[in-house]
Amino acid sequence: VKKSVAYAFGLRSLSPEVVVTDEIFSSIEISAIKDLVRAGVKVFASVHGKGVEELKEHKEFDGLLQCFQVLVTLAPVGRIVEVDCG
């Protein structure tokens, strides 16, 4: 099952308060996450990239960053590089 389908089914049948997911990369997943946020669900997710500024440059992520209250950039070894609280 694709993650985007799982998000939709979970939203309808489980009424989650929080969804945790890994590696957002497709426009379909981005759309599904936006639907979760519009329904009041908090989302904790990861996206691979060099930082927030790089994500802002990619059209696929247009609007996704506004879905999050806090953005954290990690170094390859898990060290926090940047925290952006909107």
N, C-alpha and C. Protein backbone atom coordinates (compact mmCIF):
# COMPACT_ATOMS: atom_id res chain seq x y z
N VAL A 1 0.84 -1.17 0.00
CA VAL A 1 0.00 0.00 0.00
C VAL A 1 0.90 1.24 0.00
N LYS A 2 0.59 2.17 -0.87
CA LYS A 2 1.34 3.41 -0.90
C LYS A 2 1.05 4.22 0.35
N LYS A 3 2.05 5.00 0.78
CA LYS A 3 1.87 5.80 2.00
C LYS A 3 0.71 6.77 1.87
N SER A 4 0.54 7.37 0.70
CA SER A 4 -0.53 8.35 0.53
C SER A 4 -1.90 7.70 0.73
N VAL A 5 -2.06 6.47 0.30
CA VAL A 5 -3.32 5.74 0.49
C VAL A 5 -3.50 5.41 1.98
N ALA A 6 -2.41 5.01 2.62
CA ALA A 6 -2.46 4.69 4.05
C ALA A 6 -2.83 5.93 4.86
N TYR A 7 -2.32 7.09 4.48
CA TYR A 7 -2.68 8.33 5.18
C TYR A 7 -4.19 8.57 5.09
N ALA A 8 -4.74 8.43 3.89
CA ALA A 8 -6.16 8.68 3.67
C ALA A 8 -7.03 7.69 4.44
N PHE A 9 -6.70 6.40 4.35
CA PHE A 9 -7.47 5.39 5.09
C PHE A 9 -7.35 5.60 6.59
N GLY A 10 -6.13 5.90 7.05
CA GLY A 10 -5.93 6.13 8.48
C GLY A 10 -6.70 7.31 8.99
N LEU A 11 -6.74 8.38 8.20
CA LEU A 11 -7.47 9.58 8.59
C LEU A 11 -8.95 9.27 8.76
N ARG A 12 -9.51 8.51 7.83
CA ARG A 12 -10.94 8.20 7.87
C ARG A 12 -11.31 7.19 8.94
N SER A 13 -10.46 6.18 9.14
CA SER A 13 -10.86 5.10 10.03
C SER A 13 -10.27 5.18 11.44
N LEU A 14 -9.15 5.90 11.61
CA LEU A 14 -8.49 5.93 12.92
C LEU A 14 -8.55 7.27 13.63
N SER A 15 -8.91 8.32 12.92
CA SER A 15 -8.95 9.68 13.49
C SER A 15 -7.69 10.00 14.29
N PRO A 16 -6.53 9.94 13.66
CA PRO A 16 -5.29 10.16 14.41
C PRO A 16 -5.11 11.63 14.82
N GLU A 17 -4.38 11.82 15.89
CA GLU A 17 -3.98 13.16 16.30
C GLU A 17 -2.61 13.49 15.73
N VAL A 18 -1.77 12.45 15.54
CA VAL A 18 -0.41 12.61 15.04
C VAL A 18 -0.11 11.49 14.05
N VAL A 19 0.61 11.83 12.97
CA VAL A 19 1.11 10.84 12.02
C VAL A 19 2.61 11.05 11.92
N VAL A 20 3.37 9.96 12.05
CA VAL A 20 4.82 10.00 11.91
C VAL A 20 5.18 9.23 10.65
N THR A 21 5.96 9.87 9.78
CA THR A 21 6.32 9.23 8.51
C THR A 21 7.76 9.59 8.15
N ASP A 22 8.32 8.87 7.23
CA ASP A 22 9.70 9.06 6.84
C ASP A 22 9.80 9.28 5.34
N GLU A 23 10.73 10.09 4.95
CA GLU A 23 11.12 10.29 3.56
C GLU A 23 9.97 10.70 2.64
N ILE A 24 9.48 11.89 2.82
CA ILE A 24 8.50 12.46 1.90
C ILE A 24 9.23 12.84 0.62
N PHE A 25 8.75 12.38 -0.52
CA PHE A 25 9.44 12.78 -1.74
C PHE A 25 8.54 12.94 -2.96
N SER A 26 7.36 12.39 -2.95
CA SER A 26 6.53 12.50 -4.15
C SER A 26 5.43 13.54 -3.97
N SER A 27 4.97 14.07 -5.09
CA SER A 27 3.90 15.07 -5.03
C SER A 27 2.61 14.48 -4.48
N ILE A 28 2.39 13.20 -4.70
CA ILE A 28 1.20 12.53 -4.16
C ILE A 28 1.27 12.47 -2.63
N GLU A 29 2.44 12.14 -2.10
CA GLU A 29 2.61 12.11 -0.64
C GLU A 29 2.45 13.51 -0.05
N ILE A 30 3.00 14.50 -0.74
CA ILE A 30 2.90 15.89 -0.27
C ILE A 30 1.44 16.31 -0.20
N SER A 31 0.67 15.98 -1.21
CA SER A 31 -0.76 16.30 -1.23
C SER A 31 -1.49 15.61 -0.09
N ALA A 32 -1.15 14.35 0.16
CA ALA A 32 -1.80 13.59 1.24
C ALA A 32 -1.46 14.19 2.60
N ILE A 33 -0.23 14.64 2.78
CA ILE A 33 0.15 15.27 4.05
C ILE A 33 -0.58 16.58 4.24
N LYS A 34 -0.74 17.34 3.18
CA LYS A 34 -1.51 18.58 3.27
C LYS A 34 -2.95 18.28 3.70
N ASP A 35 -3.52 17.19 3.19
CA ASP A 35 -4.88 16.79 3.60
C ASP A 35 -4.91 16.47 5.10
N LEU A 36 -3.91 15.75 5.59
CA LEU A 36 -3.85 15.43 7.02
C LEU A 36 -3.82 16.71 7.86
N VAL A 37 -2.98 17.65 7.47
CA VAL A 37 -2.84 18.90 8.22
C VAL A 37 -4.14 19.69 8.18
N ARG A 38 -4.80 19.74 7.02
CA ARG A 38 -6.09 20.45 6.93
C ARG A 38 -7.14 19.81 7.84
N ALA A 39 -6.99 18.51 8.11
CA ALA A 39 -7.93 17.81 8.99
C ALA A 39 -7.55 17.95 10.46
N GLY A 40 -6.48 18.70 10.74
CA GLY A 40 -6.09 18.95 12.13
C GLY A 40 -5.09 17.96 12.70
N VAL A 41 -4.53 17.10 11.86
CA VAL A 41 -3.55 16.12 12.31
C VAL A 41 -2.16 16.76 12.34
N LYS A 42 -1.41 16.53 13.40
CA LYS A 42 -0.02 16.96 13.47
C LYS A 42 0.83 15.91 12.74
N VAL A 43 1.78 16.36 11.95
CA VAL A 43 2.61 15.44 11.17
C VAL A 43 4.07 15.64 11.55
N PHE A 44 4.74 14.55 11.84
CA PHE A 44 6.18 14.52 12.10
C PHE A 44 6.78 13.74 10.95
N ALA A 45 7.63 14.39 10.14
CA ALA A 45 8.11 13.76 8.92
C ALA A 45 9.56 14.13 8.62
N SER A 46 10.18 13.34 7.75
CA SER A 46 11.52 13.68 7.30
C SER A 46 11.52 13.88 5.79
N VAL A 47 12.43 14.74 5.36
CA VAL A 47 12.64 15.00 3.93
C VAL A 47 14.15 15.09 3.75
N HIS A 48 14.67 14.42 2.76
CA HIS A 48 16.11 14.48 2.53
C HIS A 48 16.46 15.72 1.72
N GLY A 49 17.48 16.42 2.15
CA GLY A 49 17.93 17.62 1.47
C GLY A 49 19.04 18.26 2.27
N LYS A 50 19.58 19.34 1.75
CA LYS A 50 20.69 20.02 2.43
C LYS A 50 20.20 21.06 3.42
N GLY A 51 18.92 21.37 3.42
CA GLY A 51 18.37 22.34 4.35
C GLY A 51 17.08 22.92 3.85
N VAL A 52 16.47 23.77 4.65
CA VAL A 52 15.18 24.36 4.35
C VAL A 52 15.25 25.18 3.06
N GLU A 53 16.30 25.96 2.90
CA GLU A 53 16.42 26.80 1.70
C GLU A 53 16.42 25.96 0.42
N GLU A 54 17.08 24.81 0.45
CA GLU A 54 17.08 23.94 -0.72
C GLU A 54 15.67 23.44 -1.04
N LEU A 55 14.92 23.08 -0.01
CA LEU A 55 13.56 22.60 -0.22
C LEU A 55 12.67 23.68 -0.81
N LYS A 56 12.88 24.93 -0.36
CA LYS A 56 12.09 26.04 -0.88
C LYS A 56 12.30 26.25 -2.38
N GLU A 57 13.44 25.82 -2.89
CA GLU A 57 13.76 25.98 -4.31
C GLU A 57 13.07 24.95 -5.20
N HIS A 58 12.61 23.84 -4.62
CA HIS A 58 12.01 22.76 -5.40
C HIS A 58 10.50 22.92 -5.48
N LYS A 59 9.99 22.95 -6.69
CA LYS A 59 8.56 23.14 -6.93
C LYS A 59 7.72 22.06 -6.25
N GLU A 60 8.24 20.83 -6.19
CA GLU A 60 7.49 19.72 -5.60
C GLU A 60 7.11 19.99 -4.14
N PHE A 61 7.93 20.77 -3.45
CA PHE A 61 7.70 21.02 -2.04
C PHE A 61 6.95 22.31 -1.78
N ASP A 62 6.44 22.93 -2.83
CA ASP A 62 5.69 24.17 -2.70
C ASP A 62 4.48 23.95 -1.79
N GLY A 63 4.40 24.70 -0.75
CA GLY A 63 3.27 24.59 0.18
C GLY A 63 3.47 23.58 1.30
N LEU A 64 4.39 22.64 1.12
CA LEU A 64 4.59 21.63 2.16
C LEU A 64 5.19 22.24 3.42
N LEU A 65 6.14 23.13 3.26
CA LEU A 65 6.82 23.69 4.44
C LEU A 65 5.86 24.45 5.34
N GLN A 66 4.78 25.01 4.79
CA GLN A 66 3.80 25.71 5.61
C GLN A 66 2.98 24.76 6.48
N CYS A 67 3.07 23.46 6.22
CA CYS A 67 2.33 22.47 7.00
C CYS A 67 2.98 22.20 8.36
N PHE A 68 4.21 22.68 8.53
CA PHE A 68 4.96 22.35 9.74
C PHE A 68 5.22 23.58 10.59
N GLN A 69 5.14 23.40 11.90
CA GLN A 69 5.41 24.49 12.83
C GLN A 69 6.90 24.63 13.11
N VAL A 70 7.63 23.52 13.07
CA VAL A 70 9.06 23.51 13.35
C VAL A 70 9.76 22.71 12.26
N LEU A 71 10.85 23.26 11.74
CA LEU A 71 11.68 22.59 10.75
C LEU A 71 13.07 22.45 11.34
N VAL A 72 13.62 21.23 11.34
CA VAL A 72 14.93 20.98 11.91
C VAL A 72 15.82 20.41 10.81
N THR A 73 17.02 20.99 10.66
CA THR A 73 18.00 20.48 9.70
C THR A 73 19.06 19.72 10.50
N LEU A 74 19.29 18.47 10.11
CA LEU A 74 20.28 17.63 10.79
C LEU A 74 21.49 17.41 9.90
N ALA A 75 22.65 17.31 10.50
CA ALA A 75 23.87 16.93 9.78
C ALA A 75 23.83 15.41 9.58
N PRO A 76 24.67 14.87 8.73
CA PRO A 76 24.66 13.43 8.45
C PRO A 76 24.76 12.55 9.69
N VAL A 77 25.39 13.01 10.74
CA VAL A 77 25.54 12.19 11.94
C VAL A 77 24.45 12.49 12.97
N GLY A 78 23.43 13.26 12.61
CA GLY A 78 22.32 13.56 13.50
C GLY A 78 22.48 14.81 14.33
N ARG A 79 23.54 15.57 14.09
CA ARG A 79 23.76 16.82 14.81
C ARG A 79 22.78 17.87 14.28
N ILE A 80 22.15 18.64 15.16
CA ILE A 80 21.22 19.69 14.74
C ILE A 80 22.02 20.85 14.16
N VAL A 81 21.67 21.25 12.94
CA VAL A 81 22.34 22.34 12.24
C VAL A 81 21.52 23.61 12.32
N GLU A 82 20.19 23.47 12.19
CA GLU A 82 19.31 24.64 12.14
C GLU A 82 17.93 24.26 12.66
N VAL A 83 17.27 25.18 13.36
CA VAL A 83 15.89 25.01 13.79
C VAL A 83 15.14 26.25 13.32
N ASP A 84 14.06 26.06 12.59
CA ASP A 84 13.24 27.16 12.07
C ASP A 84 11.83 26.97 12.62
N CYS A 85 11.38 27.89 13.44
CA CYS A 85 10.05 27.81 14.05
C CYS A 85 9.04 28.69 13.35
N GLY A 86 9.15 28.78 12.05
CA GLY A 86 8.15 29.47 11.26
C GLY A 86 8.38 30.91 11.15
